Amino acid sequence: MNVKDATVIRFKEILKERNIAINELATMSGVTPSTAYSMFDSSRRDISLITVKKFCDGLGITLEEFFNSKIFTELEPEIK
């Protein structure tokens, strides 16, 4: 698994736990819904750390809390 996929999975976990839709996350985070949906799009391979930070701010969590998940310790190397 790569970092982009892990990031999306982690956000989906948090959204499910809190019963929040992607549109609602966008509104809470001050980004457009199209920005939020593009990050969750599996055909897009890159994500912006600024967008990740905005989503974390909207959810009221720190980057440390977001990345403190087992999913990030099992990542494949990005350089092959």
N, C-alpha and C. Protein backbone atom coordinates (compact mmCIF):
# COMPACT_ATOMS: atom_id res chain seq x y z
N MET A 1 0.85 -1.18 0.00
CA MET A 1 0.00 0.00 0.00
C MET A 1 0.90 1.24 0.00
N ASN A 2 0.48 2.25 -0.74
CA ASN A 2 1.26 3.49 -0.77
C ASN A 2 0.65 4.53 0.16
N VAL A 3 1.35 5.63 0.33
CA VAL A 3 0.94 6.65 1.29
C VAL A 3 -0.39 7.30 0.91
N LYS A 4 -0.64 7.48 -0.38
CA LYS A 4 -1.90 8.10 -0.80
C LYS A 4 -3.07 7.20 -0.42
N ASP A 5 -2.96 5.90 -0.72
CA ASP A 5 -4.03 4.97 -0.38
C ASP A 5 -4.24 4.89 1.13
N ALA A 6 -3.15 4.87 1.88
CA ALA A 6 -3.25 4.80 3.34
C ALA A 6 -3.93 6.06 3.89
N THR A 7 -3.62 7.20 3.31
CA THR A 7 -4.22 8.46 3.77
C THR A 7 -5.73 8.45 3.52
N VAL A 8 -6.13 8.00 2.36
CA VAL A 8 -7.56 7.93 2.04
C VAL A 8 -8.27 6.95 2.97
N ILE A 9 -7.67 5.80 3.19
CA ILE A 9 -8.27 4.81 4.09
C ILE A 9 -8.42 5.38 5.50
N ARG A 10 -7.39 6.09 5.96
CA ARG A 10 -7.44 6.68 7.30
C ARG A 10 -8.55 7.71 7.41
N PHE A 11 -8.68 8.58 6.39
CA PHE A 11 -9.78 9.55 6.43
C PHE A 11 -11.12 8.85 6.38
N LYS A 12 -11.25 7.82 5.58
CA LYS A 12 -12.52 7.09 5.52
C LYS A 12 -12.87 6.47 6.87
N GLU A 13 -11.87 5.95 7.58
CA GLU A 13 -12.10 5.40 8.92
C GLU A 13 -12.66 6.46 9.86
N ILE A 14 -12.02 7.62 9.84
CA ILE A 14 -12.44 8.70 10.73
C ILE A 14 -13.84 9.19 10.36
N LEU A 15 -14.09 9.35 9.06
CA LEU A 15 -15.41 9.81 8.62
C LEU A 15 -16.50 8.82 9.01
N LYS A 16 -16.20 7.53 8.87
CA LYS A 16 -17.19 6.51 9.25
C LYS A 16 -17.44 6.54 10.76
N GLU A 17 -16.38 6.64 11.56
CA GLU A 17 -16.52 6.70 13.02
C GLU A 17 -17.40 7.87 13.45
N ARG A 18 -17.25 8.99 12.74
CA ARG A 18 -17.97 10.21 13.12
C ARG A 18 -19.24 10.44 12.30
N ASN A 19 -19.53 9.52 11.40
CA ASN A 19 -20.72 9.62 10.55
C ASN A 19 -20.74 10.95 9.79
N ILE A 20 -19.63 11.23 9.12
CA ILE A 20 -19.46 12.47 8.35
C ILE A 20 -19.31 12.10 6.87
N ALA A 21 -20.00 12.83 6.00
CA ALA A 21 -19.89 12.63 4.56
C ALA A 21 -18.74 13.48 4.02
N ILE A 22 -18.26 13.13 2.83
CA ILE A 22 -17.16 13.87 2.21
C ILE A 22 -17.53 15.34 2.02
N ASN A 23 -18.75 15.61 1.57
CA ASN A 23 -19.19 17.01 1.41
C ASN A 23 -19.10 17.77 2.73
N GLU A 24 -19.51 17.13 3.79
CA GLU A 24 -19.47 17.76 5.12
C GLU A 24 -18.02 18.02 5.55
N LEU A 25 -17.13 17.06 5.27
CA LEU A 25 -15.71 17.24 5.58
C LEU A 25 -15.17 18.45 4.83
N ALA A 26 -15.54 18.59 3.56
CA ALA A 26 -15.08 19.73 2.76
C ALA A 26 -15.53 21.04 3.41
N THR A 27 -16.79 21.11 3.77
CA THR A 27 -17.32 22.33 4.39
C THR A 27 -16.62 22.63 5.70
N MET A 28 -16.45 21.61 6.54
CA MET A 28 -15.78 21.79 7.83
C MET A 28 -14.33 22.26 7.67
N SER A 29 -13.72 21.88 6.55
CA SER A 29 -12.30 22.12 6.34
C SER A 29 -12.00 23.34 5.49
N GLY A 30 -13.04 23.97 4.96
CA GLY A 30 -12.84 25.16 4.15
C GLY A 30 -12.28 24.89 2.77
N VAL A 31 -12.54 23.70 2.24
CA VAL A 31 -12.13 23.37 0.87
C VAL A 31 -13.37 23.09 0.04
N THR A 32 -13.22 23.13 -1.26
CA THR A 32 -14.36 22.85 -2.13
C THR A 32 -14.65 21.35 -2.12
N PRO A 33 -15.92 20.99 -2.34
CA PRO A 33 -16.23 19.56 -2.44
C PRO A 33 -15.42 18.86 -3.53
N SER A 34 -15.16 19.55 -4.63
CA SER A 34 -14.39 18.92 -5.71
C SER A 34 -12.97 18.59 -5.26
N THR A 35 -12.39 19.43 -4.41
CA THR A 35 -11.06 19.13 -3.85
C THR A 35 -11.12 17.89 -2.98
N ALA A 36 -12.14 17.80 -2.16
CA ALA A 36 -12.28 16.64 -1.28
C ALA A 36 -12.49 15.37 -2.10
N TYR A 37 -13.41 15.42 -3.05
CA TYR A 37 -13.68 14.23 -3.86
C TYR A 37 -12.48 13.82 -4.69
N SER A 38 -11.69 14.79 -5.16
CA SER A 38 -10.52 14.43 -5.97
C SER A 38 -9.49 13.67 -5.13
N MET A 39 -9.37 14.02 -3.85
CA MET A 39 -8.43 13.29 -3.01
C MET A 39 -8.86 11.84 -2.82
N PHE A 40 -10.17 11.62 -2.75
CA PHE A 40 -10.68 10.27 -2.55
C PHE A 40 -10.76 9.47 -3.84
N ASP A 41 -10.48 10.10 -4.98
CA ASP A 41 -10.53 9.45 -6.29
C ASP A 41 -9.33 8.53 -6.44
N SER A 42 -9.59 7.25 -6.67
CA SER A 42 -8.50 6.27 -6.75
C SER A 42 -7.61 6.47 -7.98
N SER A 43 -8.09 7.16 -8.99
CA SER A 43 -7.26 7.38 -10.19
C SER A 43 -6.22 8.48 -9.98
N ARG A 44 -6.40 9.30 -8.95
CA ARG A 44 -5.41 10.35 -8.64
C ARG A 44 -4.37 9.76 -7.70
N ARG A 45 -3.12 9.97 -8.02
CA ARG A 45 -2.05 9.35 -7.24
C ARG A 45 -1.40 10.29 -6.24
N ASP A 46 -1.59 11.58 -6.37
CA ASP A 46 -0.94 12.53 -5.47
C ASP A 46 -1.97 13.25 -4.61
N ILE A 47 -1.54 13.60 -3.42
CA ILE A 47 -2.38 14.40 -2.53
C ILE A 47 -1.53 15.52 -1.96
N SER A 48 -2.18 16.57 -1.56
CA SER A 48 -1.50 17.73 -1.00
C SER A 48 -1.47 17.62 0.52
N LEU A 49 -0.31 17.83 1.10
CA LEU A 49 -0.21 17.83 2.56
C LEU A 49 -1.01 18.99 3.14
N ILE A 50 -1.11 20.08 2.42
CA ILE A 50 -1.92 21.21 2.88
C ILE A 50 -3.38 20.80 2.99
N THR A 51 -3.86 20.03 2.01
CA THR A 51 -5.25 19.56 2.08
C THR A 51 -5.44 18.60 3.24
N VAL A 52 -4.48 17.71 3.45
CA VAL A 52 -4.55 16.79 4.60
C VAL A 52 -4.63 17.60 5.89
N LYS A 53 -3.81 18.64 6.00
CA LYS A 53 -3.82 19.48 7.21
C LYS A 53 -5.16 20.18 7.38
N LYS A 54 -5.73 20.70 6.28
CA LYS A 54 -7.04 21.35 6.36
C LYS A 54 -8.11 20.37 6.82
N PHE A 55 -8.07 19.15 6.30
CA PHE A 55 -9.04 18.13 6.73
C PHE A 55 -8.87 17.83 8.21
N CYS A 56 -7.63 17.71 8.65
CA CYS A 56 -7.38 17.46 10.08
C CYS A 56 -7.90 18.62 10.93
N ASP A 57 -7.64 19.85 10.47
CA ASP A 57 -8.15 21.03 11.19
C ASP A 57 -9.67 20.97 11.28
N GLY A 58 -10.32 20.64 10.16
CA GLY A 58 -11.78 20.56 10.14
C GLY A 58 -12.31 19.49 11.08
N LEU A 59 -11.55 18.41 11.23
CA LEU A 59 -11.96 17.32 12.11
C LEU A 59 -11.54 17.56 13.56
N GLY A 60 -10.75 18.61 13.79
CA GLY A 60 -10.31 18.92 15.15
C GLY A 60 -9.24 17.98 15.66
N ILE A 61 -8.39 17.48 14.74
CA ILE A 61 -7.30 16.59 15.15
C ILE A 61 -5.98 17.15 14.61
N THR A 62 -4.90 16.75 15.22
CA THR A 62 -3.58 17.17 14.76
C THR A 62 -3.08 16.20 13.70
N LEU A 63 -2.06 16.63 12.98
CA LEU A 63 -1.43 15.72 12.02
C LEU A 63 -0.85 14.51 12.75
N GLU A 64 -0.32 14.74 13.93
CA GLU A 64 0.23 13.62 14.72
C GLU A 64 -0.86 12.59 15.03
N GLU A 65 -2.03 13.06 15.44
CA GLU A 65 -3.13 12.14 15.72
C GLU A 65 -3.56 11.40 14.45
N PHE A 66 -3.59 12.12 13.34
CA PHE A 66 -4.00 11.50 12.09
C PHE A 66 -3.03 10.40 11.68
N PHE A 67 -1.73 10.71 11.69
CA PHE A 67 -0.74 9.75 11.22
C PHE A 67 -0.36 8.69 12.25
N ASN A 68 -0.85 8.82 13.47
CA ASN A 68 -0.59 7.83 14.51
C ASN A 68 -1.54 6.65 14.35
N SER A 69 -1.32 5.90 13.29
CA SER A 69 -2.18 4.77 12.96
C SER A 69 -1.31 3.66 12.38
N LYS A 70 -1.65 2.44 12.70
CA LYS A 70 -0.88 1.29 12.22
C LYS A 70 -0.76 1.27 10.70
N ILE A 71 -1.76 1.79 10.02
CA ILE A 71 -1.76 1.77 8.55
C ILE A 71 -0.53 2.46 7.97
N PHE A 72 0.00 3.45 8.67
CA PHE A 72 1.16 4.18 8.16
C PHE A 72 2.48 3.49 8.48
N THR A 73 2.48 2.52 9.37
CA THR A 73 3.72 1.80 9.67
C THR A 73 3.94 0.64 8.71
N GLU A 74 2.95 0.33 7.91
CA GLU A 74 3.04 -0.80 6.98
C GLU A 74 3.12 -0.37 5.52
N LEU A 75 3.58 0.84 5.28
CA LEU A 75 3.65 1.36 3.92
C LEU A 75 4.78 0.74 3.11
N GLU A 76 4.54 0.59 1.82
CA GLU A 76 5.58 0.17 0.89
C GLU A 76 6.47 1.37 0.62
N PRO A 77 7.72 1.12 0.24
CA PRO A 77 8.58 2.24 -0.16
C PRO A 77 7.99 2.93 -1.39
N GLU A 78 8.05 4.24 -1.42
CA GLU A 78 7.55 5.01 -2.58
C GLU A 78 8.58 4.99 -3.72
N ILE A 79 9.85 4.79 -3.39
CA ILE A 79 10.89 4.73 -4.40
C ILE A 79 11.15 3.26 -4.71
N LYS A 80 11.01 2.93 -5.96
CA LYS A 80 11.20 1.51 -6.35
C LYS A 80 12.30 1.39 -7.37
